[in-house]
Amino acid sequence: MHDQYVSVDEAANELDVSRATAWKWIKRHGLQTYRFMGERRTFVQRADLARLQEPIPVDFEKKQAAGYAAAC
């Protein structure tokens, strides 16, 4: 179909999460969703999905200040 898009169900499979969690992440991170004529499914862009899979930096000093134990 459209190579630059993936359905929400396919995105959930790629992220190894439930469909409900995929929707939560889409809403939380403000991903744009799309529909195509004649399609009942909802899609997101592959590039946006790839951004969700990128690691994010963790500030260990803030975690320690919040009471989290440091990993050794």
PDB file of N, CA and C in Angstrom:
ATOM      1  N   MET A   1       0.839  -1.181   0.000  1.00  0.00           N
ATOM      2  CA  MET A   1       0.000   0.000   0.000  1.00  0.00           C
ATOM      3  C   MET A   1       0.880   1.240   0.000  1.00  0.00           C
ATOM      4  N   HIS A   2       0.943   1.927   1.078  1.00  0.00           N
ATOM      5  CA  HIS A   2       1.752   3.140   1.195  1.00  0.00           C
ATOM      6  C   HIS A   2       2.958   2.796   2.062  1.00  0.00           C
ATOM      7  N   ASP A   3       4.120   2.711   1.454  1.00  0.00           N
ATOM      8  CA  ASP A   3       5.316   2.236   2.148  1.00  0.00           C
ATOM      9  C   ASP A   3       5.754   3.113   3.313  1.00  0.00           C
ATOM     10  N   GLN A   4       5.423   4.377   3.290  1.00  0.00           N
ATOM     11  CA  GLN A   4       5.883   5.253   4.372  1.00  0.00           C
ATOM     12  C   GLN A   4       4.950   5.237   5.573  1.00  0.00           C
ATOM     13  N   TYR A   5       3.866   4.458   5.516  1.00  0.00           N
ATOM     14  CA  TYR A   5       2.903   4.384   6.609  1.00  0.00           C
ATOM     15  C   TYR A   5       2.777   2.958   7.122  1.00  0.00           C
ATOM     16  N   VAL A   6       2.402   2.835   8.387  1.00  0.00           N
ATOM     17  CA  VAL A   6       2.158   1.540   9.006  1.00  0.00           C
ATOM     18  C   VAL A   6       0.876   1.664   9.833  1.00  0.00           C
ATOM     19  N   SER A   7       0.061   0.613   9.820  1.00  0.00           N
ATOM     20  CA  SER A   7      -1.178   0.667  10.601  1.00  0.00           C
ATOM     21  C   SER A   7      -0.847   0.635  12.089  1.00  0.00           C
ATOM     22  N   VAL A   8      -1.782   1.075  12.908  1.00  0.00           N
ATOM     23  CA  VAL A   8      -1.570   1.072  14.349  1.00  0.00           C
ATOM     24  C   VAL A   8      -1.360  -0.358  14.845  1.00  0.00           C
ATOM     25  N   ASP A   9      -2.074  -1.320  14.285  1.00  0.00           N
ATOM     26  CA  ASP A   9      -1.887  -2.721  14.670  1.00  0.00           C
ATOM     27  C   ASP A   9      -0.474  -3.194  14.322  1.00  0.00           C
ATOM     28  N   GLU A  10       0.002  -2.844  13.133  1.00  0.00           N
ATOM     29  CA  GLU A  10       1.361  -3.219  12.732  1.00  0.00           C
ATOM     30  C   GLU A  10       2.393  -2.506  13.608  1.00  0.00           C
ATOM     31  N   ALA A  11       2.121  -1.259  13.952  1.00  0.00           N
ATOM     32  CA  ALA A  11       3.024  -0.510  14.825  1.00  0.00           C
ATOM     33  C   ALA A  11       3.125  -1.191  16.189  1.00  0.00           C
ATOM     34  N   ALA A  12       1.992  -1.628  16.727  1.00  0.00           N
ATOM     35  CA  ALA A  12       1.991  -2.321  18.019  1.00  0.00           C
ATOM     36  C   ALA A  12       2.845  -3.588  17.943  1.00  0.00           C
ATOM     37  N   ASN A  13       2.717  -4.322  16.847  1.00  0.00           N
ATOM     38  CA  ASN A  13       3.523  -5.536  16.680  1.00  0.00           C
ATOM     39  C   ASN A  13       5.005  -5.205  16.608  1.00  0.00           C
ATOM     40  N   GLU A  14       5.365  -4.171  15.867  1.00  0.00           N
ATOM     41  CA  GLU A  14       6.766  -3.787  15.729  1.00  0.00           C
ATOM     42  C   GLU A  14       7.348  -3.297  17.054  1.00  0.00           C
ATOM     43  N   LEU A  15       6.523  -2.631  17.857  1.00  0.00           N
ATOM     44  CA  LEU A  15       6.974  -2.120  19.151  1.00  0.00           C
ATOM     45  C   LEU A  15       6.881  -3.176  20.250  1.00  0.00           C
ATOM     46  N   ASP A  16       6.266  -4.301  19.935  1.00  0.00           N
ATOM     47  CA  ASP A  16       6.055  -5.402  20.881  1.00  0.00           C
ATOM     48  C   ASP A  16       5.251  -4.940  22.096  1.00  0.00           C
ATOM     49  N   VAL A  17       4.168  -4.214  21.806  1.00  0.00           N
ATOM     50  CA  VAL A  17       3.248  -3.751  22.846  1.00  0.00           C
ATOM     51  C   VAL A  17       1.819  -4.049  22.383  1.00  0.00           C
ATOM     52  N   SER A  18       0.883  -3.903  23.298  1.00  0.00           N
ATOM     53  CA  SER A  18      -0.517  -4.107  22.931  1.00  0.00           C
ATOM     54  C   SER A  18      -1.000  -2.951  22.058  1.00  0.00           C
ATOM     55  N   ARG A  19      -2.109  -3.166  21.401  1.00  0.00           N
ATOM     56  CA  ARG A  19      -2.715  -2.117  20.573  1.00  0.00           C
ATOM     57  C   ARG A  19      -3.089  -0.904  21.439  1.00  0.00           C
ATOM     58  N   ALA A  20      -3.598  -1.174  22.642  1.00  0.00           N
ATOM     59  CA  ALA A  20      -3.979  -0.086  23.551  1.00  0.00           C
ATOM     60  C   ALA A  20      -2.756   0.750  23.948  1.00  0.00           C
ATOM     61  N   THR A  21      -1.642   0.093  24.219  1.00  0.00           N
ATOM     62  CA  THR A  21      -0.419   0.818  24.573  1.00  0.00           C
ATOM     63  C   THR A  21       0.083   1.621  23.386  1.00  0.00           C
ATOM     64  N   ALA A  22       0.002   1.062  22.195  1.00  0.00           N
ATOM     65  CA  ALA A  22       0.413   1.796  20.993  1.00  0.00           C
ATOM     66  C   ALA A  22      -0.408   3.080  20.866  1.00  0.00           C
ATOM     67  N   TRP A  23      -1.711   3.000  21.086  1.00  0.00           N
ATOM     68  CA  TRP A  23      -2.559   4.190  21.015  1.00  0.00           C
ATOM     69  C   TRP A  23      -2.176   5.208  22.088  1.00  0.00           C
ATOM     70  N   LYS A  24      -1.876   4.730  23.303  1.00  0.00           N
ATOM     71  CA  LYS A  24      -1.453   5.643  24.370  1.00  0.00           C
ATOM     72  C   LYS A  24      -0.187   6.384  23.975  1.00  0.00           C
ATOM     73  N   TRP A  25       0.790   5.661  23.420  1.00  0.00           N
ATOM     74  CA  TRP A  25       2.043   6.280  23.009  1.00  0.00           C
ATOM     75  C   TRP A  25       1.813   7.276  21.875  1.00  0.00           C
ATOM     76  N   ILE A  26       0.941   6.924  20.944  1.00  0.00           N
ATOM     77  CA  ILE A  26       0.632   7.823  19.819  1.00  0.00           C
ATOM     78  C   ILE A  26       0.074   9.141  20.355  1.00  0.00           C
ATOM     79  N   LYS A  27      -0.853   9.043  21.291  1.00  0.00           N
ATOM     80  CA  LYS A  27      -1.458  10.248  21.868  1.00  0.00           C
ATOM     81  C   LYS A  27      -0.458  11.010  22.734  1.00  0.00           C
ATOM     82  N   ARG A  28       0.291  10.291  23.581  1.00  0.00           N
ATOM     83  CA  ARG A  28       1.227  10.930  24.503  1.00  0.00           C
ATOM     84  C   ARG A  28       2.331  11.690  23.772  1.00  0.00           C
ATOM     85  N   HIS A  29       2.800  11.110  22.664  1.00  0.00           N
ATOM     86  CA  HIS A  29       3.912  11.715  21.925  1.00  0.00           C
ATOM     87  C   HIS A  29       3.444  12.554  20.741  1.00  0.00           C
ATOM     88  N   GLY A  30       2.140  12.717  20.609  1.00  0.00           N
ATOM     89  CA  GLY A  30       1.586  13.612  19.598  1.00  0.00           C
ATOM     90  C   GLY A  30       1.824  13.184  18.159  1.00  0.00           C
ATOM     91  N   LEU A  31       1.855  11.878  17.909  1.00  0.00           N
ATOM     92  CA  LEU A  31       2.047  11.402  16.539  1.00  0.00           C
ATOM     93  C   LEU A  31       0.805  11.690  15.703  1.00  0.00           C
ATOM     94  N   GLN A  32       1.028  12.136  14.495  1.00  0.00           N
ATOM     95  CA  GLN A  32      -0.067  12.392  13.555  1.00  0.00           C
ATOM     96  C   GLN A  32      -0.590  11.049  13.048  1.00  0.00           C
ATOM     97  N   THR A  33      -1.909  10.884  13.005  1.00  0.00           N
ATOM     98  CA  THR A  33      -2.505   9.672  12.448  1.00  0.00           C
ATOM     99  C   THR A  33      -3.159  10.006  11.115  1.00  0.00           C
ATOM    100  N   TYR A  34      -3.300   8.973  10.278  1.00  0.00           N
ATOM    101  CA  TYR A  34      -3.808   9.156   8.916  1.00  0.00           C
ATOM    102  C   TYR A  34      -4.819   8.073   8.588  1.00  0.00           C
ATOM    103  N   ARG A  35      -5.734   8.415   7.682  1.00  0.00           N
ATOM    104  CA  ARG A  35      -6.682   7.460   7.106  1.00  0.00           C
ATOM    105  C   ARG A  35      -6.662   7.646   5.603  1.00  0.00           C
ATOM    106  N   PHE A  36      -6.811   6.549   4.886  1.00  0.00           N
ATOM    107  CA  PHE A  36      -6.869   6.594   3.430  1.00  0.00           C
ATOM    108  C   PHE A  36      -8.262   6.211   2.971  1.00  0.00           C
ATOM    109  N   MET A  37      -8.685   6.790   1.850  1.00  0.00           N
ATOM    110  CA  MET A  37     -10.012   6.485   1.309  1.00  0.00           C
ATOM    111  C   MET A  37     -10.177   4.977   1.140  1.00  0.00           C
ATOM    112  N   GLY A  38     -11.294   4.473   1.630  1.00  0.00           N
ATOM    113  CA  GLY A  38     -11.589   3.053   1.501  1.00  0.00           C
ATOM    114  C   GLY A  38     -10.931   2.185   2.562  1.00  0.00           C
ATOM    115  N   GLU A  39     -10.137   2.765   3.429  1.00  0.00           N
ATOM    116  CA  GLU A  39      -9.459   2.031   4.503  1.00  0.00           C
ATOM    117  C   GLU A  39     -10.134   2.338   5.823  1.00  0.00           C
ATOM    118  N   ARG A  40     -10.380   1.326   6.605  1.00  0.00           N
ATOM    119  CA  ARG A  40     -10.958   1.536   7.933  1.00  0.00           C
ATOM    120  C   ARG A  40      -9.878   1.660   8.991  1.00  0.00           C
ATOM    121  N   ARG A  41      -8.665   1.237   8.653  1.00  0.00           N
ATOM    122  CA  ARG A  41      -7.568   1.268   9.623  1.00  0.00           C
ATOM    123  C   ARG A  41      -6.967   2.665   9.723  1.00  0.00           C
ATOM    124  N   THR A  42      -6.311   2.904  10.849  1.00  0.00           N
ATOM    125  CA  THR A  42      -5.603   4.154  11.088  1.00  0.00           C
ATOM    126  C   THR A  42      -4.111   3.876  10.954  1.00  0.00           C
ATOM    127  N   PHE A  43      -3.390   4.843  10.391  1.00  0.00           N
ATOM    128  CA  PHE A  43      -1.972   4.670  10.100  1.00  0.00           C
ATOM    129  C   PHE A  43      -1.146   5.765  10.760  1.00  0.00           C
ATOM    130  N   VAL A  44       0.146   5.475  10.968  1.00  0.00           N
ATOM    131  CA  VAL A  44       1.137   6.469  11.382  1.00  0.00           C
ATOM    132  C   VAL A  44       2.305   6.362  10.410  1.00  0.00           C
ATOM    133  N   GLN A  45       3.090   7.423  10.328  1.00  0.00           N
ATOM    134  CA  GLN A  45       4.249   7.382   9.443  1.00  0.00           C
ATOM    135  C   GLN A  45       5.347   6.531  10.073  1.00  0.00           C
ATOM    136  N   ARG A  46       6.037   5.765   9.230  1.00  0.00           N
ATOM    137  CA  ARG A  46       7.141   4.928   9.705  1.00  0.00           C
ATOM    138  C   ARG A  46       8.214   5.760  10.403  1.00  0.00           C
ATOM    139  N   ALA A  47       8.476   6.958   9.895  1.00  0.00           N
ATOM    140  CA  ALA A  47       9.494   7.821  10.499  1.00  0.00           C
ATOM    141  C   ALA A  47       9.113   8.190  11.930  1.00  0.00           C
ATOM    142  N   ASP A  48       7.818   8.458  12.171  1.00  0.00           N
ATOM    143  CA  ASP A  48       7.359   8.768  13.525  1.00  0.00           C
ATOM    144  C   ASP A  48       7.488   7.549  14.431  1.00  0.00           C
ATOM    145  N   LEU A  49       7.163   6.383  13.897  1.00  0.00           N
ATOM    146  CA  LEU A  49       7.285   5.142  14.647  1.00  0.00           C
ATOM    147  C   LEU A  49       8.748   4.894  15.024  1.00  0.00           C
ATOM    148  N   ALA A  50       9.648   5.168  14.099  1.00  0.00           N
ATOM    149  CA  ALA A  50      11.083   4.980  14.355  1.00  0.00           C
ATOM    150  C   ALA A  50      11.544   5.887  15.497  1.00  0.00           C
ATOM    151  N   ARG A  51      10.983   7.091  15.592  1.00  0.00           N
ATOM    152  CA  ARG A  51      11.347   8.006  16.682  1.00  0.00           C
ATOM    153  C   ARG A  51      10.975   7.434  18.042  1.00  0.00           C
ATOM    154  N   LEU A  52       9.867   6.693  18.101  1.00  0.00           N
ATOM    155  CA  LEU A  52       9.458   6.077  19.359  1.00  0.00           C
ATOM    156  C   LEU A  52      10.423   4.982  19.784  1.00  0.00           C
ATOM    157  N   GLN A  53      11.152   4.420  18.841  1.00  0.00           N
ATOM    158  CA  GLN A  53      12.059   3.318  19.135  1.00  0.00           C
ATOM    159  C   GLN A  53      13.471   3.793  19.483  1.00  0.00           C
ATOM    160  N   GLU A  54      13.728   5.091  19.339  1.00  0.00           N
ATOM    161  CA  GLU A  54      15.052   5.623  19.656  1.00  0.00           C
ATOM    162  C   GLU A  54      15.223   5.722  21.166  1.00  0.00           C
ATOM    163  N   PRO A  55      16.424   5.458  21.653  1.00  0.00           N
ATOM    164  CA  PRO A  55      16.651   5.599  23.095  1.00  0.00           C
ATOM    165  C   PRO A  55      16.594   7.072  23.514  1.00  0.00           C
ATOM    166  N   ILE A  56      16.197   7.278  24.734  1.00  0.00           N
ATOM    167  CA  ILE A  56      16.156   8.638  25.266  1.00  0.00           C
ATOM    168  C   ILE A  56      17.163   8.744  26.406  1.00  0.00           C
ATOM    169  N   PRO A  57      17.799   9.891  26.583  1.00  0.00           N
ATOM    170  CA  PRO A  57      18.775  10.033  27.661  1.00  0.00           C
ATOM    171  C   PRO A  57      18.097  10.018  29.025  1.00  0.00           C
ATOM    172  N   VAL A  58      18.794   9.458  29.991  1.00  0.00           N
ATOM    173  CA  VAL A  58      18.293   9.399  31.355  1.00  0.00           C
ATOM    174  C   VAL A  58      19.250  10.190  32.234  1.00  0.00           C
ATOM    175  N   ASP A  59      18.707  11.087  33.011  1.00  0.00           N
ATOM    176  CA  ASP A  59      19.507  11.888  33.918  1.00  0.00           C
ATOM    177  C   ASP A  59      19.518  11.190  35.278  1.00  0.00           C
ATOM    178  N   PHE A  60      20.617  10.469  35.560  1.00  0.00           N
ATOM    179  CA  PHE A  60      20.690   9.690  36.786  1.00  0.00           C
ATOM    180  C   PHE A  60      20.709  10.566  38.040  1.00  0.00           C
ATOM    181  N   GLU A  61      21.243  11.775  37.931  1.00  0.00           N
ATOM    182  CA  GLU A  61      21.262  12.660  39.088  1.00  0.00           C
ATOM    183  C   GLU A  61      19.842  13.019  39.515  1.00  0.00           C
ATOM    184  N   LYS A  62      18.972  13.289  38.542  1.00  0.00           N
ATOM    185  CA  LYS A  62      17.583  13.587  38.876  1.00  0.00           C
ATOM    186  C   LYS A  62      16.882  12.372  39.479  1.00  0.00           C
ATOM    187  N   LYS A  63      17.190  11.166  38.927  1.00  0.00           N
ATOM    188  CA  LYS A  63      16.583   9.957  39.472  1.00  0.00           C
ATOM    189  C   LYS A  63      17.025   9.724  40.908  1.00  0.00           C
ATOM    190  N   GLN A  64      18.312   9.963  41.196  1.00  0.00           N
ATOM    191  CA  GLN A  64      18.807   9.783  42.559  1.00  0.00           C
ATOM    192  C   GLN A  64      18.159  10.794  43.485  1.00  0.00           C
ATOM    193  N   ALA A  65      17.993  12.022  43.040  1.00  0.00           N
ATOM    194  CA  ALA A  65      17.346  13.046  43.856  1.00  0.00           C
ATOM    195  C   ALA A  65      15.896  12.680  44.147  1.00  0.00           C
ATOM    196  N   ALA A  66      15.279  11.931  43.214  1.00  0.00           N
ATOM    197  CA  ALA A  66      13.889  11.524  43.402  1.00  0.00           C
ATOM    198  C   ALA A  66      13.763  10.268  44.255  1.00  0.00           C
ATOM    199  N   GLY A  67      14.931   9.694  44.644  1.00  0.00           N
ATOM    200  CA  GLY A  67      14.880   8.538  45.543  1.00  0.00           C
ATOM    201  C   GLY A  67      15.083   7.196  44.865  1.00  0.00           C
ATOM    202  N   TYR A  68      15.437   7.170  43.593  1.00  0.00           N
ATOM    203  CA  TYR A  68      15.704   5.918  42.906  1.00  0.00           C
ATOM    204  C   TYR A  68      17.095   5.437  43.270  1.00  0.00           C
ATOM    205  N   ALA A  69      17.273   4.126  43.399  1.00  0.00           N
ATOM    206  CA  ALA A  69      18.587   3.547  43.684  1.00  0.00           C
ATOM    207  C   ALA A  69      19.442   3.571  42.439  1.00  0.00           C
ATOM    208  N   ALA A  70      20.709   3.868  42.586  1.00  0.00           N
ATOM    209  CA  ALA A  70      21.635   3.892  41.453  1.00  0.00           C
ATOM    210  C   ALA A  70      21.933   2.459  41.028  1.00  0.00           C
ATOM    211  N   ALA A  71      22.003   2.242  39.713  1.00  0.00           N
ATOM    212  CA  ALA A  71      22.324   0.917  39.183  1.00  0.00           C
ATOM    213  C   ALA A  71      23.825   0.695  39.290  1.00  0.00           C
ATOM    214  N   CYS A  72      24.209  -0.452  39.795  1.00  0.00           N
ATOM    215  CA  CYS A  72      25.638  -0.750  39.936  1.00  0.00           C
ATOM    216  C   CYS A  72      26.043  -1.881  39.025  1.00  0.00           C
TER     217      CYS A  72
END
